[in-house]
């Protein structure tokens, strides 16, 4: 009888831990859903990003579209355009610095 009780108690603990793990996975999945991409106009880019795109380093890059990407508290701007007839996708922080995606 003691063995049966121990087995049942162990099973209950395992099931309880499994539920906790599933709840944690669900929370992580919900956080990922909160990451959002939204198309914006080039005029809606922050001034710092516009200034970077207007600098000599990007003089041969022709911006065509922009997207804001929000991941938790981080914000990144994705700018698609052409340079020498090749399409490029560049990423910038709100401070105008180019970042690797």
N, C-alpha and C. Protein backbone atom coordinates (compact mmCIF):
# COMPACT_ATOMS: atom_id res chain seq x y z
N UNK A 1 0.82 -1.18 0.00
CA UNK A 1 0.00 0.00 0.00
C UNK A 1 0.87 1.26 0.00
N UNK A 2 1.98 1.21 0.77
CA UNK A 2 2.88 2.36 0.80
C UNK A 2 3.48 2.61 -0.57
N UNK A 3 3.83 1.53 -1.27
CA UNK A 3 4.43 1.67 -2.60
C UNK A 3 3.43 2.31 -3.56
N UNK A 4 2.18 1.91 -3.47
CA UNK A 4 1.15 2.49 -4.33
C UNK A 4 1.00 3.97 -4.04
N UNK A 5 1.00 4.34 -2.76
CA UNK A 5 0.90 5.74 -2.37
C UNK A 5 2.09 6.54 -2.92
N UNK A 6 3.31 5.99 -2.81
CA UNK A 6 4.52 6.66 -3.29
C UNK A 6 4.45 6.83 -4.80
N UNK A 7 4.01 5.82 -5.51
CA UNK A 7 3.90 5.89 -6.96
C UNK A 7 2.87 6.95 -7.37
N UNK A 8 1.74 6.99 -6.67
CA UNK A 8 0.71 7.97 -6.99
C UNK A 8 1.20 9.39 -6.69
N UNK A 9 1.88 9.56 -5.58
CA UNK A 9 2.41 10.87 -5.22
C UNK A 9 3.46 11.32 -6.24
N UNK A 10 4.33 10.40 -6.65
CA UNK A 10 5.35 10.73 -7.65
C UNK A 10 4.71 11.13 -8.97
N UNK A 11 3.68 10.39 -9.35
CA UNK A 11 2.98 10.71 -10.61
C UNK A 11 2.34 12.09 -10.53
N UNK A 12 1.76 12.39 -9.40
CA UNK A 12 1.12 13.70 -9.23
C UNK A 12 2.15 14.82 -9.32
N UNK A 13 3.31 14.61 -8.72
CA UNK A 13 4.37 15.61 -8.78
C UNK A 13 4.87 15.80 -10.21
N UNK A 14 5.05 14.71 -10.93
CA UNK A 14 5.51 14.80 -12.33
C UNK A 14 4.48 15.54 -13.18
N UNK A 15 3.22 15.22 -12.99
CA UNK A 15 2.18 15.91 -13.74
C UNK A 15 2.13 17.39 -13.39
N UNK A 16 2.31 17.70 -12.14
CA UNK A 16 2.33 19.10 -11.71
C UNK A 16 3.48 19.85 -12.34
N UNK A 17 4.67 19.24 -12.39
CA UNK A 17 5.81 19.90 -13.00
C UNK A 17 5.61 20.04 -14.50
N UNK A 18 5.00 19.06 -15.11
CA UNK A 18 4.73 19.13 -16.54
C UNK A 18 3.81 20.30 -16.86
N UNK A 19 2.81 20.51 -16.02
CA UNK A 19 1.89 21.64 -16.21
C UNK A 19 2.63 22.96 -16.07
N UNK A 20 3.55 23.04 -15.10
CA UNK A 20 4.32 24.27 -14.92
C UNK A 20 5.20 24.54 -16.12
N UNK A 21 5.81 23.51 -16.69
CA UNK A 21 6.65 23.68 -17.87
C UNK A 21 5.80 24.13 -19.05
N UNK A 22 4.62 23.51 -19.23
CA UNK A 22 3.74 23.91 -20.33
C UNK A 22 3.29 25.35 -20.18
N UNK A 23 3.02 25.79 -18.97
CA UNK A 23 2.62 27.18 -18.74
C UNK A 23 3.76 28.12 -19.10
N UNK A 24 4.98 27.72 -18.79
CA UNK A 24 6.15 28.54 -19.12
C UNK A 24 6.33 28.63 -20.63
N UNK A 25 6.17 27.53 -21.34
CA UNK A 25 6.29 27.52 -22.80
C UNK A 25 5.22 28.41 -23.41
N UNK A 26 4.02 28.36 -22.87
CA UNK A 26 2.93 29.20 -23.37
C UNK A 26 3.26 30.68 -23.17
N UNK A 27 3.85 31.03 -22.03
CA UNK A 27 4.22 32.41 -21.77
C UNK A 27 5.26 32.88 -22.77
N UNK A 28 6.26 32.06 -23.05
CA UNK A 28 7.29 32.42 -24.02
C UNK A 28 6.67 32.60 -25.40
N UNK A 29 5.77 31.71 -25.78
CA UNK A 29 5.11 31.83 -27.08
C UNK A 29 4.30 33.11 -27.16
N UNK A 30 3.62 33.48 -26.09
CA UNK A 30 2.83 34.72 -26.10
C UNK A 30 3.73 35.93 -26.22
N UNK A 31 4.92 35.89 -25.59
CA UNK A 31 5.85 37.01 -25.71
C UNK A 31 6.32 37.16 -27.14
N UNK A 32 6.52 36.08 -27.84
CA UNK A 32 6.95 36.14 -29.24
C UNK A 32 5.86 36.74 -30.10
N UNK A 33 4.60 36.46 -29.78
CA UNK A 33 3.49 37.02 -30.54
C UNK A 33 3.48 38.54 -30.39
N UNK A 34 3.96 39.04 -29.25
CA UNK A 34 3.96 40.47 -29.02
C UNK A 34 5.01 41.17 -29.87
N UNK A 35 6.03 40.43 -30.37
CA UNK A 35 6.98 41.02 -31.29
C UNK A 35 6.20 41.41 -32.54
N UNK A 36 6.37 42.63 -32.98
CA UNK A 36 5.53 43.09 -34.08
C UNK A 36 6.34 43.80 -35.15
N UNK A 37 5.93 43.60 -36.39
CA UNK A 37 6.49 44.31 -37.54
C UNK A 37 5.36 45.13 -38.13
N UNK A 38 5.67 46.40 -38.45
CA UNK A 38 4.63 47.26 -39.02
C UNK A 38 5.28 48.13 -40.10
N UNK A 39 4.70 48.12 -41.26
CA UNK A 39 5.19 48.97 -42.34
C UNK A 39 4.95 50.44 -41.98
N UNK A 40 5.96 51.26 -42.24
CA UNK A 40 5.84 52.70 -42.02
C UNK A 40 6.37 53.41 -43.26
N UNK A 41 6.08 54.68 -43.36
CA UNK A 41 6.61 55.45 -44.49
C UNK A 41 8.04 55.87 -44.15
N UNK A 42 8.79 56.23 -45.17
CA UNK A 42 10.15 56.71 -44.95
C UNK A 42 10.15 57.98 -44.10
N UNK A 43 9.10 58.78 -44.23
CA UNK A 43 8.98 60.01 -43.43
C UNK A 43 8.80 59.72 -41.94
N UNK A 44 8.30 58.54 -41.61
CA UNK A 44 8.07 58.18 -40.22
C UNK A 44 9.33 57.65 -39.52
N UNK A 45 10.41 57.47 -40.28
CA UNK A 45 11.66 57.03 -39.66
C UNK A 45 12.16 58.11 -38.70
N UNK A 46 12.83 57.71 -37.63
CA UNK A 46 13.39 58.73 -36.72
C UNK A 46 14.41 59.60 -37.44
N UNK A 47 14.54 60.82 -36.99
CA UNK A 47 15.48 61.76 -37.62
C UNK A 47 16.91 61.20 -37.67
N UNK A 48 17.30 60.46 -36.63
CA UNK A 48 18.65 59.89 -36.59
C UNK A 48 18.85 58.89 -37.73
N UNK A 49 17.84 58.09 -38.03
CA UNK A 49 17.94 57.11 -39.13
C UNK A 49 17.96 57.85 -40.47
N UNK A 50 17.13 58.86 -40.60
CA UNK A 50 17.12 59.66 -41.84
C UNK A 50 18.48 60.31 -42.06
N UNK A 51 19.08 60.82 -41.00
CA UNK A 51 20.39 61.47 -41.12
C UNK A 51 21.46 60.45 -41.54
N UNK A 52 21.40 59.26 -41.00
CA UNK A 52 22.36 58.21 -41.38
C UNK A 52 22.19 57.86 -42.86
N UNK A 53 20.95 57.71 -43.30
CA UNK A 53 20.70 57.37 -44.71
C UNK A 53 21.14 58.51 -45.64
N UNK A 54 21.14 59.73 -45.16
CA UNK A 54 21.55 60.88 -45.97
C UNK A 54 23.06 61.10 -45.94
N UNK A 55 23.78 60.35 -45.10
CA UNK A 55 25.23 60.53 -44.97
C UNK A 55 25.97 59.94 -46.17
N UNK A 56 27.25 60.30 -46.29
CA UNK A 56 28.08 59.84 -47.41
C UNK A 56 28.15 58.32 -47.51
N UNK A 57 28.10 57.63 -46.39
CA UNK A 57 28.19 56.17 -46.40
C UNK A 57 27.03 55.49 -47.10
N UNK A 58 25.93 56.21 -47.25
CA UNK A 58 24.73 55.64 -47.88
C UNK A 58 24.29 56.43 -49.10
N UNK A 59 25.19 57.25 -49.66
CA UNK A 59 24.79 58.11 -50.78
C UNK A 59 24.38 57.32 -52.01
N UNK A 60 24.88 56.09 -52.17
CA UNK A 60 24.50 55.26 -53.31
C UNK A 60 23.35 54.30 -52.98
N UNK A 61 22.77 54.42 -51.80
CA UNK A 61 21.64 53.59 -51.38
C UNK A 61 20.35 54.38 -51.55
N UNK A 62 19.40 53.82 -52.28
CA UNK A 62 18.10 54.47 -52.52
C UNK A 62 17.04 53.73 -51.71
N UNK A 63 16.63 54.33 -50.58
CA UNK A 63 15.61 53.72 -49.72
C UNK A 63 14.26 53.69 -50.43
N UNK A 64 13.56 52.57 -50.30
CA UNK A 64 12.26 52.41 -50.94
C UNK A 64 11.12 52.18 -49.95
N UNK A 65 11.40 51.46 -48.87
CA UNK A 65 10.34 51.19 -47.89
C UNK A 65 10.97 50.98 -46.51
N UNK A 66 10.12 51.08 -45.49
CA UNK A 66 10.61 50.94 -44.12
C UNK A 66 9.61 50.16 -43.28
N UNK A 67 10.14 49.51 -42.27
CA UNK A 67 9.34 48.73 -41.34
C UNK A 67 9.88 48.96 -39.94
N UNK A 68 8.99 49.09 -38.99
CA UNK A 68 9.41 49.17 -37.59
C UNK A 68 9.21 47.78 -36.99
N UNK A 69 10.22 47.32 -36.26
CA UNK A 69 10.18 46.01 -35.62
C UNK A 69 10.30 46.22 -34.12
N UNK A 70 9.29 45.81 -33.39
CA UNK A 70 9.31 45.94 -31.94
C UNK A 70 9.38 44.55 -31.32
N UNK A 71 10.41 44.36 -30.50
CA UNK A 71 10.61 43.09 -29.82
C UNK A 71 10.77 43.39 -28.34
N UNK A 72 9.70 43.21 -27.60
CA UNK A 72 9.72 43.58 -26.19
C UNK A 72 9.89 45.09 -26.08
N UNK A 73 10.98 45.53 -25.45
CA UNK A 73 11.22 46.96 -25.31
C UNK A 73 12.17 47.49 -26.37
N UNK A 74 12.70 46.61 -27.21
CA UNK A 74 13.64 47.03 -28.25
C UNK A 74 12.90 47.40 -29.52
N UNK A 75 13.40 48.44 -30.17
CA UNK A 75 12.82 48.90 -31.43
C UNK A 75 13.93 48.96 -32.47
N UNK A 76 13.65 48.41 -33.65
CA UNK A 76 14.59 48.44 -34.75
C UNK A 76 13.84 48.86 -36.01
N UNK A 77 14.56 49.51 -36.91
CA UNK A 77 13.96 49.96 -38.17
C UNK A 77 14.62 49.20 -39.31
N UNK A 78 13.81 48.62 -40.17
CA UNK A 78 14.28 47.88 -41.33
C UNK A 78 14.01 48.74 -42.56
N UNK A 79 15.05 49.02 -43.31
CA UNK A 79 14.90 49.86 -44.51
C UNK A 79 15.31 49.03 -45.72
N UNK A 80 14.41 48.91 -46.67
CA UNK A 80 14.68 48.17 -47.90
C UNK A 80 14.91 49.18 -49.02
N UNK A 81 15.91 48.90 -49.83
CA UNK A 81 16.22 49.81 -50.93
C UNK A 81 17.16 49.16 -51.91
N UNK A 82 17.68 49.97 -52.82
CA UNK A 82 18.58 49.46 -53.86
C UNK A 82 19.91 50.18 -53.81
N UNK A 83 20.93 49.42 -54.11
CA UNK A 83 22.28 49.94 -54.25
C UNK A 83 22.89 49.17 -55.42
N UNK A 84 23.27 49.89 -56.45
CA UNK A 84 23.84 49.27 -57.65
C UNK A 84 22.94 48.16 -58.19
N UNK A 85 21.66 48.47 -58.33
CA UNK A 85 20.66 47.55 -58.88
C UNK A 85 20.47 46.27 -58.08
N UNK A 86 20.96 46.24 -56.84
CA UNK A 86 20.73 45.10 -55.97
C UNK A 86 19.86 45.55 -54.79
N UNK A 87 18.87 44.75 -54.47
CA UNK A 87 18.02 45.06 -53.33
C UNK A 87 18.75 44.71 -52.04
N UNK A 88 18.72 45.63 -51.09
CA UNK A 88 19.35 45.41 -49.79
C UNK A 88 18.35 45.71 -48.69
N UNK A 89 18.51 45.01 -47.58
CA UNK A 89 17.70 45.26 -46.39
C UNK A 89 18.66 45.65 -45.28
N UNK A 90 18.51 46.87 -44.78
CA UNK A 90 19.39 47.39 -43.73
C UNK A 90 18.59 47.56 -42.44
N UNK A 91 19.27 47.42 -41.31
CA UNK A 91 18.62 47.56 -40.01
C UNK A 91 19.30 48.65 -39.20
N UNK A 92 18.49 49.45 -38.53
CA UNK A 92 18.99 50.57 -37.74
C UNK A 92 18.31 50.60 -36.38
N UNK A 93 19.06 51.05 -35.38
CA UNK A 93 18.46 51.33 -34.09
C UNK A 93 17.83 52.71 -34.14
N UNK A 94 17.09 53.07 -33.12
CA UNK A 94 16.44 54.38 -33.06
C UNK A 94 17.47 55.51 -33.03
N UNK A 95 18.72 55.17 -32.63
CA UNK A 95 19.78 56.17 -32.58
C UNK A 95 20.43 56.42 -33.94
N UNK A 96 19.98 55.70 -34.98
CA UNK A 96 20.48 55.88 -36.32
C UNK A 96 21.67 55.00 -36.66
N UNK A 97 22.16 54.23 -35.70
CA UNK A 97 23.30 53.35 -35.97
C UNK A 97 22.83 52.08 -36.63
N UNK A 98 23.58 51.67 -37.65
CA UNK A 98 23.24 50.45 -38.35
C UNK A 98 23.55 49.25 -37.45
N UNK A 99 22.65 48.28 -37.42
CA UNK A 99 22.82 47.08 -36.61
C UNK A 99 22.69 45.85 -37.49
N UNK A 100 23.36 44.78 -37.07
CA UNK A 100 23.26 43.53 -37.80
C UNK A 100 21.99 42.82 -37.37
N UNK A 101 21.28 42.25 -38.28
CA UNK A 101 20.03 41.54 -37.96
C UNK A 101 20.34 40.09 -37.78
